[in-house]
């Protein structure tokens, strides 16, 4: 998985994507979504490093089946809130 972390005024922003979705554009008929390098580009990370980062995140954006499944299994994202982009999955969460 590719992990990017940024400190913002509101806390840690985490963006994670599966390597195979970086640079791709998805369109499910209702939503067009591009996984751009500028936002999602970062360092290769293990599942454990991603879990640790998500545990510290105030906001997270996730794209790809592997990372979204990890976030659901770890309890960060409710499966009912996952967006199906047709060929991959997208999820977000925010801690208030």
PDB file of N, CA and C in Angstrom:
ATOM      1  N   UNK A   1       0.838  -1.170   0.000  1.00  0.00           N
ATOM      2  CA  UNK A   1       0.000   0.000   0.000  1.00  0.00           C
ATOM      3  C   UNK A   1       0.890   1.242   0.000  1.00  0.00           C
ATOM      4  N   UNK A   2       0.368   2.318  -0.556  1.00  0.00           N
ATOM      5  CA  UNK A   2       1.103   3.573  -0.613  1.00  0.00           C
ATOM      6  C   UNK A   2       0.471   4.531   0.388  1.00  0.00           C
ATOM      7  N   UNK A   3       1.296   5.017   1.309  1.00  0.00           N
ATOM      8  CA  UNK A   3       0.848   5.817   2.440  1.00  0.00           C
ATOM      9  C   UNK A   3       1.430   7.220   2.371  1.00  0.00           C
ATOM     10  N   UNK A   4       0.553   8.207   2.580  1.00  0.00           N
ATOM     11  CA  UNK A   4       0.974   9.609   2.653  1.00  0.00           C
ATOM     12  C   UNK A   4       0.346  10.229   3.893  1.00  0.00           C
ATOM     13  N   UNK A   5       1.143  10.954   4.658  1.00  0.00           N
ATOM     14  CA  UNK A   5       0.651  11.635   5.856  1.00  0.00           C
ATOM     15  C   UNK A   5       0.985  13.115   5.756  1.00  0.00           C
ATOM     16  N   UNK A   6       0.024  13.960   6.160  1.00  0.00           N
ATOM     17  CA  UNK A   6       0.232  15.405   6.182  1.00  0.00           C
ATOM     18  C   UNK A   6      -0.379  15.975   7.455  1.00  0.00           C
ATOM     19  N   UNK A   7       0.361  16.824   8.116  1.00  0.00           N
ATOM     20  CA  UNK A   7      -0.204  17.540   9.258  1.00  0.00           C
ATOM     21  C   UNK A   7      -0.982  18.736   8.727  1.00  0.00           C
ATOM     22  N   UNK A   8      -2.200  18.918   9.228  1.00  0.00           N
ATOM     23  CA  UNK A   8      -3.035  20.051   8.846  1.00  0.00           C
ATOM     24  C   UNK A   8      -3.468  20.783  10.109  1.00  0.00           C
ATOM     25  N   UNK A   9      -4.153  21.892   9.944  1.00  0.00           N
ATOM     26  CA  UNK A   9      -4.678  22.642  11.094  1.00  0.00           C
ATOM     27  C   UNK A   9      -5.626  21.796  11.926  1.00  0.00           C
ATOM     28  N   UNK A  10      -6.270  20.835  11.299  1.00  0.00           N
ATOM     29  CA  UNK A  10      -7.252  19.996  11.987  1.00  0.00           C
ATOM     30  C   UNK A  10      -6.690  18.655  12.438  1.00  0.00           C
ATOM     31  N   UNK A  11      -5.397  18.421  12.240  1.00  0.00           N
ATOM     32  CA  UNK A  11      -4.781  17.165  12.654  1.00  0.00           C
ATOM     33  C   UNK A  11      -4.201  16.413  11.483  1.00  0.00           C
ATOM     34  N   UNK A  12      -3.880  15.155  11.713  1.00  0.00           N
ATOM     35  CA  UNK A  12      -3.211  14.330  10.721  1.00  0.00           C
ATOM     36  C   UNK A  12      -4.167  13.881   9.617  1.00  0.00           C
ATOM     37  N   UNK A  13      -3.799  14.183   8.378  1.00  0.00           N
ATOM     38  CA  UNK A  13      -4.522  13.730   7.189  1.00  0.00           C
ATOM     39  C   UNK A  13      -3.732  12.565   6.602  1.00  0.00           C
ATOM     40  N   UNK A  14      -4.400  11.436   6.438  1.00  0.00           N
ATOM     41  CA  UNK A  14      -3.767  10.229   5.913  1.00  0.00           C
ATOM     42  C   UNK A  14      -4.445   9.863   4.594  1.00  0.00           C
ATOM     43  N   UNK A  15      -3.638   9.614   3.571  1.00  0.00           N
ATOM     44  CA  UNK A  15      -4.132   9.122   2.288  1.00  0.00           C
ATOM     45  C   UNK A  15      -3.412   7.815   1.992  1.00  0.00           C
ATOM     46  N   UNK A  16      -4.183   6.787   1.665  1.00  0.00           N
ATOM     47  CA  UNK A  16      -3.603   5.478   1.383  1.00  0.00           C
ATOM     48  C   UNK A  16      -4.293   4.903   0.151  1.00  0.00           C
ATOM     49  N   UNK A  17      -3.490   4.312  -0.729  1.00  0.00           N
ATOM     50  CA  UNK A  17      -4.069   3.627  -1.875  1.00  0.00           C
ATOM     51  C   UNK A  17      -3.296   2.351  -2.163  1.00  0.00           C
ATOM     52  N   UNK A  18      -3.951   1.445  -2.856  1.00  0.00           N
ATOM     53  CA  UNK A  18      -3.273   0.262  -3.362  1.00  0.00           C
ATOM     54  C   UNK A  18      -2.361   0.708  -4.500  1.00  0.00           C
ATOM     55  N   UNK A  19      -1.203   0.092  -4.664  1.00  0.00           N
ATOM     56  CA  UNK A  19      -0.275   0.519  -5.720  1.00  0.00           C
ATOM     57  C   UNK A  19      -0.864   0.495  -7.124  1.00  0.00           C
ATOM     58  N   UNK A  20      -1.742  -0.468  -7.408  1.00  0.00           N
ATOM     59  CA  UNK A  20      -2.274  -0.609  -8.763  1.00  0.00           C
ATOM     60  C   UNK A  20      -3.319   0.441  -9.130  1.00  0.00           C
ATOM     61  N   UNK A  21      -3.797   1.235  -8.166  1.00  0.00           N
ATOM     62  CA  UNK A  21      -4.805   2.255  -8.489  1.00  0.00           C
ATOM     63  C   UNK A  21      -4.210   3.652  -8.655  1.00  0.00           C
ATOM     64  N   UNK A  22      -2.970   3.845  -8.222  1.00  0.00           N
ATOM     65  CA  UNK A  22      -2.346   5.166  -8.310  1.00  0.00           C
ATOM     66  C   UNK A  22      -2.261   5.608  -9.770  1.00  0.00           C
ATOM     67  N   UNK A  23      -2.797   6.790 -10.048  1.00  0.00           N
ATOM     68  CA  UNK A  23      -2.800   7.340 -11.398  1.00  0.00           C
ATOM     69  C   UNK A  23      -4.013   6.954 -12.228  1.00  0.00           C
ATOM     70  N   UNK A  24      -4.849   6.088 -11.710  1.00  0.00           N
ATOM     71  CA  UNK A  24      -6.032   5.630 -12.444  1.00  0.00           C
ATOM     72  C   UNK A  24      -7.223   6.550 -12.209  1.00  0.00           C
ATOM     73  N   UNK A  25      -8.151   6.548 -13.168  1.00  0.00           N
ATOM     74  CA  UNK A  25      -9.419   7.271 -13.038  1.00  0.00           C
ATOM     75  C   UNK A  25     -10.538   6.248 -13.114  1.00  0.00           C
ATOM     76  N   UNK A  26     -11.497   6.369 -12.214  1.00  0.00           N
ATOM     77  CA  UNK A  26     -12.630   5.449 -12.138  1.00  0.00           C
ATOM     78  C   UNK A  26     -13.916   6.237 -12.326  1.00  0.00           C
ATOM     79  N   UNK A  27     -14.889   5.610 -12.982  1.00  0.00           N
ATOM     80  CA  UNK A  27     -16.178   6.246 -13.234  1.00  0.00           C
ATOM     81  C   UNK A  27     -17.257   5.182 -13.102  1.00  0.00           C
ATOM     82  N   UNK A  28     -18.105   5.325 -12.088  1.00  0.00           N
ATOM     83  CA  UNK A  28     -19.162   4.334 -11.894  1.00  0.00           C
ATOM     84  C   UNK A  28     -20.508   4.809 -12.450  1.00  0.00           C
ATOM     85  N   UNK A  29     -20.494   5.881 -13.225  1.00  0.00           N
ATOM     86  CA  UNK A  29     -21.726   6.424 -13.784  1.00  0.00           C
ATOM     87  C   UNK A  29     -22.262   7.587 -12.981  1.00  0.00           C
ATOM     88  N   UNK A  30     -22.010   7.591 -11.680  1.00  0.00           N
ATOM     89  CA  UNK A  30     -22.438   8.682 -10.803  1.00  0.00           C
ATOM     90  C   UNK A  30     -21.260   9.541 -10.365  1.00  0.00           C
ATOM     91  N   UNK A  31     -20.103   8.909 -10.214  1.00  0.00           N
ATOM     92  CA  UNK A  31     -18.916   9.583  -9.684  1.00  0.00           C
ATOM     93  C   UNK A  31     -17.726   9.271 -10.565  1.00  0.00           C
ATOM     94  N   UNK A  32     -16.944  10.297 -10.881  1.00  0.00           N
ATOM     95  CA  UNK A  32     -15.658  10.092 -11.537  1.00  0.00           C
ATOM     96  C   UNK A  32     -14.593  10.453 -10.516  1.00  0.00           C
ATOM     97  N   UNK A  33     -13.608   9.584 -10.350  1.00  0.00           N
ATOM     98  CA  UNK A  33     -12.622   9.738  -9.287  1.00  0.00           C
ATOM     99  C   UNK A  33     -11.239   9.407  -9.825  1.00  0.00           C
ATOM    100  N   UNK A  34     -10.295  10.343  -9.653  1.00  0.00           N
ATOM    101  CA  UNK A  34      -8.911  10.123 -10.080  1.00  0.00           C
ATOM    102  C   UNK A  34      -8.021   9.987  -8.853  1.00  0.00           C
ATOM    103  N   UNK A  35      -7.227   8.950  -8.823  1.00  0.00           N
ATOM    104  CA  UNK A  35      -6.290   8.691  -7.735  1.00  0.00           C
ATOM    105  C   UNK A  35      -4.970   9.343  -8.143  1.00  0.00           C
ATOM    106  N   UNK A  36      -4.847  10.653  -7.859  1.00  0.00           N
ATOM    107  CA  UNK A  36      -3.690  11.380  -8.377  1.00  0.00           C
ATOM    108  C   UNK A  36      -2.475  11.284  -7.463  1.00  0.00           C
ATOM    109  N   UNK A  37      -1.318  11.315  -8.111  1.00  0.00           N
ATOM    110  CA  UNK A  37      -0.020  11.198  -7.445  1.00  0.00           C
ATOM    111  C   UNK A  37       0.188  12.313  -6.425  1.00  0.00           C
ATOM    112  N   UNK A  38      -0.266  13.505  -6.742  1.00  0.00           N
ATOM    113  CA  UNK A  38      -0.067  14.660  -5.863  1.00  0.00           C
ATOM    114  C   UNK A  38      -0.669  14.425  -4.474  1.00  0.00           C
ATOM    115  N   UNK A  39      -1.849  13.817  -4.431  1.00  0.00           N
ATOM    116  CA  UNK A  39      -2.522  13.599  -3.150  1.00  0.00           C
ATOM    117  C   UNK A  39      -2.189  12.240  -2.545  1.00  0.00           C
ATOM    118  N   UNK A  40      -2.209  11.192  -3.355  1.00  0.00           N
ATOM    119  CA  UNK A  40      -2.045   9.825  -2.844  1.00  0.00           C
ATOM    120  C   UNK A  40      -0.616   9.304  -2.909  1.00  0.00           C
ATOM    121  N   UNK A  41       0.269  10.008  -3.613  1.00  0.00           N
ATOM    122  CA  UNK A  41       1.647   9.546  -3.708  1.00  0.00           C
ATOM    123  C   UNK A  41       2.342   9.588  -2.357  1.00  0.00           C
ATOM    124  N   UNK A  42       3.137   8.612  -2.064  1.00  0.00           N
ATOM    125  CA  UNK A  42       3.840   8.544  -0.782  1.00  0.00           C
ATOM    126  C   UNK A  42       4.814   7.388  -0.793  1.00  0.00           C
ATOM    127  N   UNK A  43       4.936   6.753   0.348  1.00  0.00           N
ATOM    128  CA  UNK A  43       5.883   5.653   0.523  1.00  0.00           C
ATOM    129  C   UNK A  43       5.141   4.321   0.617  1.00  0.00           C
ATOM    130  N   UNK A  44       5.779   3.279   0.131  1.00  0.00           N
ATOM    131  CA  UNK A  44       5.244   1.922   0.286  1.00  0.00           C
ATOM    132  C   UNK A  44       5.178   1.614   1.780  1.00  0.00           C
ATOM    133  N   UNK A  45       4.073   1.039   2.230  1.00  0.00           N
ATOM    134  CA  UNK A  45       3.887   0.779   3.659  1.00  0.00           C
ATOM    135  C   UNK A  45       3.262  -0.599   3.876  1.00  0.00           C
ATOM    136  N   UNK A  46       3.626  -1.196   4.979  1.00  0.00           N
ATOM    137  CA  UNK A  46       3.069  -2.496   5.363  1.00  0.00           C
ATOM    138  C   UNK A  46       1.662  -2.308   5.920  1.00  0.00           C
ATOM    139  N   UNK A  47       0.874  -3.374   5.958  1.00  0.00           N
ATOM    140  CA  UNK A  47      -0.448  -3.274   6.567  1.00  0.00           C
ATOM    141  C   UNK A  47      -0.390  -2.762   8.010  1.00  0.00           C
ATOM    142  N   UNK A  48       0.601  -3.188   8.778  1.00  0.00           N
ATOM    143  CA  UNK A  48       0.721  -2.721  10.161  1.00  0.00           C
ATOM    144  C   UNK A  48       0.996  -1.220  10.216  1.00  0.00           C
ATOM    145  N   UNK A  49       1.857  -0.713   9.350  1.00  0.00           N
ATOM    146  CA  UNK A  49       2.140   0.729   9.312  1.00  0.00           C
ATOM    147  C   UNK A  49       0.899   1.512   8.914  1.00  0.00           C
ATOM    148  N   UNK A  50       0.108   0.969   8.002  1.00  0.00           N
ATOM    149  CA  UNK A  50      -1.136   1.637   7.603  1.00  0.00           C
ATOM    150  C   UNK A  50      -2.113   1.662   8.773  1.00  0.00           C
ATOM    151  N   UNK A  51      -2.262   0.552   9.479  1.00  0.00           N
ATOM    152  CA  UNK A  51      -3.153   0.516  10.656  1.00  0.00           C
ATOM    153  C   UNK A  51      -2.724   1.562  11.694  1.00  0.00           C
ATOM    154  N   UNK A  52      -1.432   1.643  11.966  1.00  0.00           N
ATOM    155  CA  UNK A  52      -0.926   2.615  12.943  1.00  0.00           C
ATOM    156  C   UNK A  52      -1.216   4.046  12.497  1.00  0.00           C
ATOM    157  N   UNK A  53      -1.018   4.319  11.223  1.00  0.00           N
ATOM    158  CA  UNK A  53      -1.282   5.650  10.692  1.00  0.00           C
ATOM    159  C   UNK A  53      -2.772   5.984  10.785  1.00  0.00           C
ATOM    160  N   UNK A  54      -3.627   5.048  10.416  1.00  0.00           N
ATOM    161  CA  UNK A  54      -5.073   5.280  10.491  1.00  0.00           C
ATOM    162  C   UNK A  54      -5.529   5.492  11.929  1.00  0.00           C
ATOM    163  N   UNK A  55      -4.890   4.820  12.876  1.00  0.00           N
ATOM    164  CA  UNK A  55      -5.241   4.995  14.287  1.00  0.00           C
ATOM    165  C   UNK A  55      -4.940   6.405  14.773  1.00  0.00           C
ATOM    166  N   UNK A  56      -3.985   7.083  14.141  1.00  0.00           N
ATOM    167  CA  UNK A  56      -3.609   8.446  14.526  1.00  0.00           C
ATOM    168  C   UNK A  56      -4.302   9.517  13.699  1.00  0.00           C
ATOM    169  N   UNK A  57      -4.969   9.115  12.630  1.00  0.00           N
ATOM    170  CA  UNK A  57      -5.537  10.071  11.667  1.00  0.00           C
ATOM    171  C   UNK A  57      -6.775  10.782  12.210  1.00  0.00           C
ATOM    172  N   UNK A  58      -6.879  12.047  11.890  1.00  0.00           N
ATOM    173  CA  UNK A  58      -8.120  12.801  12.100  1.00  0.00           C
ATOM    174  C   UNK A  58      -9.001  12.677  10.872  1.00  0.00           C
ATOM    175  N   UNK A  59      -8.365  12.603   9.689  1.00  0.00           N
ATOM    176  CA  UNK A  59      -9.059  12.439   8.413  1.00  0.00           C
ATOM    177  C   UNK A  59      -8.281  11.424   7.587  1.00  0.00           C
ATOM    178  N   UNK A  60      -8.999  10.519   6.916  1.00  0.00           N
ATOM    179  CA  UNK A  60      -8.337   9.548   6.054  1.00  0.00           C
ATOM    180  C   UNK A  60      -9.117   9.379   4.760  1.00  0.00           C
ATOM    181  N   UNK A  61      -8.373   9.232   3.668  1.00  0.00           N
ATOM    182  CA  UNK A  61      -8.917   8.952   2.346  1.00  0.00           C
ATOM    183  C   UNK A  61      -8.256   7.669   1.858  1.00  0.00           C
ATOM    184  N   UNK A  62      -9.069   6.702   1.461  1.00  0.00           N
ATOM    185  CA  UNK A  62      -8.576   5.373   1.125  1.00  0.00           C
ATOM    186  C   UNK A  62      -9.118   4.930  -0.227  1.00  0.00           C
ATOM    187  N   UNK A  63      -8.239   4.407  -1.084  1.00  0.00           N
ATOM    188  CA  UNK A  63      -8.675   3.914  -2.387  1.00  0.00           C
ATOM    189  C   UNK A  63      -7.993   2.584  -2.678  1.00  0.00           C
ATOM    190  N   UNK A  64      -8.800   1.615  -3.072  1.00  0.00           N
ATOM    191  CA  UNK A  64      -8.292   0.296  -3.431  1.00  0.00           C
ATOM    192  C   UNK A  64      -8.901  -0.765  -2.538  1.00  0.00           C
ATOM    193  N   UNK A  65      -9.109  -1.926  -3.104  1.00  0.00           N
ATOM    194  CA  UNK A  65      -9.761  -2.999  -2.354  1.00  0.00           C
ATOM    195  C   UNK A  65      -8.965  -3.432  -1.135  1.00  0.00           C
ATOM    196  N   UNK A  66      -7.649  -3.552  -1.266  1.00  0.00           N
ATOM    197  CA  UNK A  66      -6.824  -4.028  -0.154  1.00  0.00           C
ATOM    198  C   UNK A  66      -6.877  -3.068   1.039  1.00  0.00           C
ATOM    199  N   UNK A  67      -6.654  -1.792   0.790  1.00  0.00           N
ATOM    200  CA  UNK A  67      -6.630  -0.838   1.899  1.00  0.00           C
ATOM    201  C   UNK A  67      -8.024  -0.606   2.486  1.00  0.00           C
ATOM    202  N   UNK A  68      -9.057  -0.585   1.660  1.00  0.00           N
ATOM    203  CA  UNK A  68     -10.411  -0.406   2.192  1.00  0.00           C
ATOM    204  C   UNK A  68     -10.808  -1.625   3.018  1.00  0.00           C
ATOM    205  N   UNK A  69     -10.487  -2.822   2.541  1.00  0.00           N
ATOM    206  CA  UNK A  69     -10.772  -4.030   3.329  1.00  0.00           C
ATOM    207  C   UNK A  69     -10.047  -3.992   4.677  1.00  0.00           C
ATOM    208  N   UNK A  70      -8.787  -3.567   4.678  1.00  0.00           N
ATOM    209  CA  UNK A  70      -8.020  -3.439   5.925  1.00  0.00           C
ATOM    210  C   UNK A  70      -8.718  -2.472   6.882  1.00  0.00           C
ATOM    211  N   UNK A  71      -9.163  -1.328   6.364  1.00  0.00           N
ATOM    212  CA  UNK A  71      -9.813  -0.313   7.201  1.00  0.00           C
ATOM    213  C   UNK A  71     -11.140  -0.811   7.764  1.00  0.00           C
ATOM    214  N   UNK A  72     -11.883  -1.566   6.979  1.00  0.00           N
ATOM    215  CA  UNK A  72     -13.147  -2.140   7.451  1.00  0.00           C
ATOM    216  C   UNK A  72     -12.871  -3.181   8.523  1.00  0.00           C
ATOM    217  N   UNK A  73     -11.949  -4.102   8.254  1.00  0.00           N
ATOM    218  CA  UNK A  73     -11.623  -5.166   9.212  1.00  0.00           C
ATOM    219  C   UNK A  73     -11.084  -4.603  10.521  1.00  0.00           C
ATOM    220  N   UNK A  74     -10.333  -3.501  10.465  1.00  0.00           N
ATOM    221  CA  UNK A  74      -9.761  -2.895  11.673  1.00  0.00           C
ATOM    222  C   UNK A  74     -10.747  -1.991  12.397  1.00  0.00           C
ATOM    223  N   UNK A  75     -11.927  -1.772  11.815  1.00  0.00           N
ATOM    224  CA  UNK A  75     -12.955  -0.979  12.481  1.00  0.00           C
ATOM    225  C   UNK A  75     -12.866   0.521  12.255  1.00  0.00           C
ATOM    226  N   UNK A  76     -12.055   0.960  11.310  1.00  0.00           N
ATOM    227  CA  UNK A  76     -11.953   2.389  11.025  1.00  0.00           C
ATOM    228  C   UNK A  76     -13.101   2.882  10.139  1.00  0.00           C
ATOM    229  N   UNK A  77     -13.621   1.989   9.296  1.00  0.00           N
ATOM    230  CA  UNK A  77     -14.660   2.338   8.327  1.00  0.00           C
ATOM    231  C   UNK A  77     -15.769   1.299   8.415  1.00  0.00           C
ATOM    232  N   UNK A  78     -17.019   1.758   8.408  1.00  0.00           N
ATOM    233  CA  UNK A  78     -18.167   0.861   8.356  1.00  0.00           C
ATOM    234  C   UNK A  78     -18.372   0.434   6.899  1.00  0.00           C
ATOM    235  N   UNK A  79     -18.557  -0.839   6.678  1.00  0.00           N
ATOM    236  CA  UNK A  79     -18.686  -1.362   5.317  1.00  0.00           C
ATOM    237  C   UNK A  79     -19.811  -0.684   4.533  1.00  0.00           C
ATOM    238  N   UNK A  80     -20.849  -0.242   5.226  1.00  0.00           N
ATOM    239  CA  UNK A  80     -21.964   0.438   4.574  1.00  0.00           C
ATOM    240  C   UNK A  80     -21.607   1.812   4.037  1.00  0.00           C
ATOM    241  N   UNK A  81     -20.458   2.340   4.436  1.00  0.00           N
ATOM    242  CA  UNK A  81     -20.026   3.664   3.985  1.00  0.00           C
ATOM    243  C   UNK A  81     -18.965   3.600   2.890  1.00  0.00           C
ATOM    244  N   UNK A  82     -18.716   2.432   2.357  1.00  0.00           N
ATOM    245  CA  UNK A  82     -17.722   2.255   1.294  1.00  0.00           C
ATOM    246  C   UNK A  82     -18.373   2.549  -0.053  1.00  0.00           C
ATOM    247  N   UNK A  83     -17.706   3.357  -0.859  1.00  0.00           N
ATOM    248  CA  UNK A  83     -18.192   3.704  -2.192  1.00  0.00           C
ATOM    249  C   UNK A  83     -17.584   2.756  -3.221  1.00  0.00           C
ATOM    250  N   UNK A  84     -18.433   2.112  -3.996  1.00  0.00           N
ATOM    251  CA  UNK A  84     -17.990   1.234  -5.075  1.00  0.00           C
ATOM    252  C   UNK A  84     -17.794   2.093  -6.312  1.00  0.00           C
ATOM    253  N   UNK A  85     -16.541   2.201  -6.772  1.00  0.00           N
ATOM    254  CA  UNK A  85     -16.228   3.009  -7.948  1.00  0.00           C
ATOM    255  C   UNK A  85     -16.286   2.183  -9.234  1.00  0.00           C
ATOM    256  N   UNK A  86     -16.801   0.984  -9.158  1.00  0.00           N
ATOM    257  CA  UNK A  86     -16.893   0.116 -10.326  1.00  0.00           C
ATOM    258  C   UNK A  86     -15.778  -0.901 -10.339  1.00  0.00           C
ATOM    259  N   UNK A  87     -14.538  -0.440 -10.467  1.00  0.00           N
ATOM    260  CA  UNK A  87     -13.397  -1.355 -10.528  1.00  0.00           C
ATOM    261  C   UNK A  87     -12.567  -1.350  -9.249  1.00  0.00           C
ATOM    262  N   UNK A  88     -12.912  -0.488  -8.307  1.00  0.00           N
ATOM    263  CA  UNK A  88     -12.204  -0.452  -7.028  1.00  0.00           C
ATOM    264  C   UNK A  88     -13.117   0.181  -5.983  1.00  0.00           C
ATOM    265  N   UNK A  89     -12.600   0.340  -4.778  1.00  0.00           N
ATOM    266  CA  UNK A  89     -13.382   0.876  -3.659  1.00  0.00           C
ATOM    267  C   UNK A  89     -12.754   2.152  -3.130  1.00  0.00           C
ATOM    268  N   UNK A  90     -13.593   3.007  -2.523  1.00  0.00           N
ATOM    269  CA  UNK A  90     -13.128   4.256  -1.916  1.00  0.00           C
ATOM    270  C   UNK A  90     -13.847   4.431  -0.585  1.00  0.00           C
ATOM    271  N   UNK A  91     -13.115   4.913   0.420  1.00  0.00           N
ATOM    272  CA  UNK A  91     -13.712   5.211   1.719  1.00  0.00           C
ATOM    273  C   UNK A  91     -12.993   6.401   2.332  1.00  0.00           C
ATOM    274  N   UNK A  92     -13.712   7.104   3.175  1.00  0.00           N
ATOM    275  CA  UNK A  92     -13.159   8.231   3.925  1.00  0.00           C
ATOM    276  C   UNK A  92     -13.650   8.121   5.352  1.00  0.00           C
ATOM    277  N   UNK A  93     -12.883   8.686   6.276  1.00  0.00           N
ATOM    278  CA  UNK A  93     -13.395   8.872   7.619  1.00  0.00           C
ATOM    279  C   UNK A  93     -12.814  10.116   8.231  1.00  0.00           C
ATOM    280  N   UNK A  94     -13.547  10.635   9.212  1.00  0.00           N
ATOM    281  CA  UNK A  94     -13.116  11.844   9.943  1.00  0.00           C
ATOM    282  C   UNK A  94     -13.455  11.640  11.409  1.00  0.00           C
ATOM    283  N   UNK A  95     -12.507  11.965  12.249  1.00  0.00           N
ATOM    284  CA  UNK A  95     -12.749  11.939  13.690  1.00  0.00           C
ATOM    285  C   UNK A  95     -12.977  13.379  14.148  1.00  0.00           C
ATOM    286  N   UNK A  96     -14.056  13.587  14.851  1.00  0.00           N
ATOM    287  CA  UNK A  96     -14.364  14.931  15.357  1.00  0.00           C
ATOM    288  C   UNK A  96     -13.912  15.105  16.779  1.00  0.00           C
TER     289      UNK A  96
END
